[in-house]
Amino acid sequence: MSTSPVPDWVRRKQAGTRWPSNTHPHNSSPRDFLTGLSSTHPELEDQSLLAWGLEQSESIEGPRAQIDVLVSRGSNIEWSDNISDEDLEAKLAATSEDATEKSLQVFFINTRACEVGWLPGNFSIRPQALRSLMKAGLSKTTLSGIYMLEGTWAKMGNHCFQHQDDLGNLSSFEVCYRNSSGWNNGPAFTQFVRTRFNRTYFCINYPSRAIVRLKEYIEQDSNLLYRDFFLDLLAAHESLKEHQFNIGDRREQLLKHERKYEDEHIQFNHATRELHRLTRDWHTLGQDCIDLHVQLKFLQDSHKKYVQNLHHSQSAWEVDTSMSTGESFEVLISECDNCARWTTVYRDRTNIRINLLFHLANQRESRTNTDIATSTAKVAEQTQRDSVSMITIAAVTMLFLPGTFVSAILSTTFFEFGHDGLSVSGQWWVLPVATIPLMVIVAGVWLRWQHVRLRKREANLKVT
């Protein structure tokens, strides 16, 4: 299988938000090969939804899902990367020829190259390949979970189905669940079907890092492929590492904020927005940790049920008793609990930091108001001093203004002081005739200017 050793937690952009415009009509007719397949739990299957989803997979444009197949018979292992529909059908036919030999077949289905849907690539599996996969055991319930519009939040429930033969012995054991392989990789689906001689896995968007680890392990010991719930534990461990990476990344962001206690070095607007984003991430990470914990508990319970059925079954199923994978589930559950607790702690610390910024901002505002009040008091004091000076000037002006006025009138050519006393010109009336109209004109211009200013101010107030 063509995979890169780059860890899954490396951040990359996922579009995966588009959805077909012709939504599920609830009245599509089931396809022929759908009706030909048996249903063990028809109450959980929506035939019209499946028919609609198959129609979308036929008409969808863009990259198609890549299917890689791992087949193991005894100690012989064969990988087939990016297999074609014809080769897939032929390989399945060859696998079913010998049903009495211990075997394992794993179908790794990668839909992330397509950007349509929340998976993304809900409709990128080719219909012919899908037909072969369903004949191999891919359940309609899993397909219903993939084709559902509300799958972003309405997650498919965990399934653990047991089937008995006519004598009441276990004939097949099936586990199906939806998990998350990290924020940057989207949801994933895993279905495991075990019969007496055969184990079949359908892994949709299985973590690439887990595949790299799987190849390394089976090169050392091919029998690890037959270890019960081995692939499930690998994927769960990678999901847990993804959560640990995300928690550690946001922990560093929080510590950068907590190291700043001098408010003059804090940009309150920017810091508050960053902390609110951190709080949102902590809530999401906390929910993801809870979901992973629930998934691990489900797998642990399924493993217990699986082992009990094998021990009580009379059909002589092969059971690996050398090592119990149940112990691995206990370790992962413990680590997941630790992540959930620390997520809660960091979320509370982020909220404490937000409250601290709020109080620091209030203190800074109080200091600013105090400085403004001090400056205002100084301005008022200076204004008072200026007022005293103006009053002094006005008082002096009042003392000299009457004399100045009389001197100005008498100093005109209409009045003349001589040896014979005061003589008044016969044209003295020119002075009041010229002065009084000019006073009226100046006063009128000033009043008109004030009136225009008031009207403009009222108009601006109405606009605002």
Foldseek 3Di string as FASTA:
>chain_A
DDFDLDAPLPADDAQQPAADPPDQPLDADADPLVVVDDDPCCVLFRRSLLNVLLVCLAPPDDAAKFKKKWKDFPLDIDIDGRDDLVVLLVVVVVVVPDPPTAMEMEIEIEQRRDRHHQQRRLSRYHPSNVSSVVVVPDHSSVNSLSSDRPNVPPPRDWDWDFDADPVRATAKIKTKGKAALAPRQHIKIWIWMDGQRYIYIYTYSQGSNLVVVVVVVCVVPVCCVVAPCSSVLSSLVSSLVSLVVVLVVLVVVLVVLVVDDPCVPDPLVVLLVVLVVSLVVLVVSLVNLVVSLVVLVVVLVSLVVVVVSQVPGPPPRDDDPPDDCNVVSVVSNVSSVVSNVVSVVVSVSSVVSSVSSVVVVVVVVVVVVVVVVVVVVVVVVVVVVVVVVVVVVVVVCVVCVVVVVVCVLCPDPQWDQDPVGIDGHPVSVVVCVVPVVVVVVVVVVVVVVVVVVVVVVVVVVVVD
